[in-house]
Protein backbone atom coordinates (compact mmCIF):
# COMPACT_ATOMS: atom_id res chain seq x y z
CA MET A 1 -0.01 6.09 13.13
CA LEU A 2 0.73 9.15 10.90
CA PHE A 3 -1.05 9.52 7.79
CA ARG A 4 0.29 12.32 5.04
CA VAL A 5 -0.81 13.32 1.81
CA ASP A 6 0.78 15.44 -0.85
CA PRO A 7 -2.02 16.88 -2.97
CA THR A 8 0.67 18.03 -5.65
CA SER A 9 2.29 14.84 -5.75
CA THR A 10 1.87 12.96 -9.25
CA VAL A 11 1.34 10.02 -6.74
CA PRO A 12 -2.50 9.18 -6.51
CA LEU A 13 -3.67 9.94 -2.80
CA GLY A 14 -5.17 6.33 -2.50
CA ASP A 15 -1.56 5.23 -3.21
CA GLN A 16 -0.39 7.81 -0.89
CA ILE A 17 -2.49 6.17 1.77
CA ALA A 18 -1.62 2.72 1.22
CA ALA A 19 2.42 3.65 1.37
CA SER A 20 1.43 4.86 4.94
CA VAL A 21 0.62 1.63 6.00
CA ARG A 22 2.84 -0.26 4.42
CA ARG A 23 6.01 2.17 6.01
CA ALA A 24 3.97 1.51 8.87
CA VAL A 25 3.94 -1.97 8.87
CA ALA A 26 7.40 -2.13 7.73
CA ASP A 27 9.10 0.10 10.36
CA GLY A 28 7.03 -2.26 13.11
CA ALA A 29 5.07 0.90 14.15
CA VAL A 30 1.92 -1.43 13.82
CA ALA A 31 1.18 -4.79 14.77
CA PRO A 32 -1.11 -7.80 13.17
CA GLY A 33 -4.46 -7.39 14.55
CA GLU A 34 -4.20 -3.00 15.05
CA ARG A 35 -6.75 -1.31 13.48
CA LEU A 36 -6.93 1.12 11.26
CA PRO A 37 -8.73 4.37 11.37
CA ALA A 38 -11.96 4.72 10.21
CA ALA A 39 -12.00 5.46 6.36
CA ARG A 40 -15.09 8.10 7.02
CA ALA A 41 -13.04 9.66 9.96
CA LEU A 42 -9.32 9.35 7.91
CA ALA A 43 -10.90 11.44 5.33
CA GLU A 44 -12.15 13.79 6.84
CA SER A 45 -8.49 14.41 8.86
CA LEU A 46 -7.00 14.11 5.24
CA GLY A 47 -9.07 16.25 3.72
CA VAL A 48 -9.87 13.80 1.22
CA ASN A 49 -12.77 11.73 -0.41
CA VAL A 50 -13.82 8.53 1.30
CA HIS A 51 -13.53 6.71 -1.84
CA THR A 52 -9.81 8.01 -2.32
CA VAL A 53 -9.05 6.10 1.26
CA LEU A 54 -11.45 3.60 0.28
CA ARG A 55 -9.18 2.70 -2.95
CA GLY A 56 -5.82 3.16 -0.59
CA TYR A 57 -7.12 0.44 2.02
CA GLN A 58 -8.23 -1.59 -1.00
CA ARG A 59 -4.69 -1.46 -2.28
CA LEU A 60 -3.49 -2.69 0.91
CA ARG A 61 -5.97 -5.66 0.94
CA GLU A 62 -4.95 -6.58 -2.37
CA GLU A 63 -1.98 -7.45 -0.88
CA GLY A 64 -2.46 -8.87 2.15
CA LEU A 65 -1.83 -6.25 4.54
CA ILE A 66 -4.53 -5.63 5.75
CA GLU A 67 -8.57 -7.06 6.43
CA LEU A 68 -11.85 -5.12 5.27
CA ARG A 69 -15.04 -6.66 7.12
CA ARG A 70 -17.76 -4.69 6.52
CA GLY A 71 -19.18 -2.71 9.67
CA ARG A 72 -15.96 -3.39 11.54
CA GLY A 73 -13.78 -1.51 9.74
CA ALA A 74 -10.03 -2.40 9.17
CA ALA A 75 -6.88 -4.68 10.49
CA ILE A 76 -3.58 -5.47 9.70
CA THR A 77 -3.57 -9.22 8.92
CA ALA A 78 -2.12 -12.06 10.90
CA GLY A 79 0.38 -12.36 7.82
CA ALA A 80 1.81 -8.35 7.52
CA SER A 81 5.15 -8.34 8.53
CA PRO A 82 7.83 -5.91 7.70
CA GLN A 83 9.50 -8.14 5.54
CA ARG A 84 6.64 -8.63 3.29
CA ALA A 85 5.94 -4.89 3.83
CA ARG A 86 9.35 -3.94 2.52
CA LEU A 87 9.04 -6.05 -0.52
CA LEU A 88 6.19 -4.75 -1.68
CA GLU A 89 7.85 -1.62 -1.57
CA ARG A 90 10.80 -2.23 -3.64
CA VAL A 91 8.39 -4.15 -5.73
CA ARG A 92 6.90 -1.07 -6.17
CA GLU A 93 9.82 1.13 -6.73
CA ALA A 94 10.83 -1.37 -9.68
CA VAL A 95 7.59 -1.33 -11.21
CA ALA A 96 7.89 2.75 -11.35
CA HIS A 97 11.61 2.64 -12.25
CA ALA A 98 10.85 -0.23 -14.87
CA ARG A 99 8.42 2.15 -16.38
CA ASP A 100 10.05 5.53 -16.03
CA LEU A 101 12.93 3.31 -18.28
CA GLY A 102 10.05 2.65 -20.86
CA MET A 103 9.88 -0.98 -20.38
CA THR A 104 6.55 -2.89 -21.15
CA GLU A 105 4.36 -5.38 -18.97
CA ASP A 106 6.10 -7.79 -20.85
CA GLU A 107 9.62 -6.90 -20.33
CA LEU A 108 9.54 -6.52 -16.95
CA LEU A 109 7.58 -10.01 -16.22
CA THR A 110 11.01 -11.43 -18.02
CA LEU A 111 12.91 -10.21 -16.14
CA VAL A 112 11.17 -11.03 -13.27
CA ARG A 113 10.85 -15.27 -14.46
CA ASN A 114 14.66 -15.13 -16.00
CA GLU A 115 15.22 -14.10 -12.27
CA LEU A 116 12.86 -16.48 -10.43
CA ASP A 117 14.42 -19.14 -12.69
CA ALA A 118 17.98 -18.40 -12.16
């Protein structure tokens, strides 16, 4: 799996790392059970702080795409699918677009609730 970060981007580095994994899952380049690089090794190869990598990994754990096990590292979960990863990317894009439009969190949530109720 290829990890890339752009230090000049406005997107936080941890989010860029998470996006790399999300893209790999969405493209089918990684499969459930596959292990991710150790946080220290990845941080060193990218030239970032280990906590930056851990923030990205934590985001992916919260999204249900990876599981973190102390001493065993990170691995893609059994529930991670290309469809789920693509949906997560679209949700992130929609939230970013809503922020660009100046929408509040309540306005966005109302739109989503209305769509779910339709």
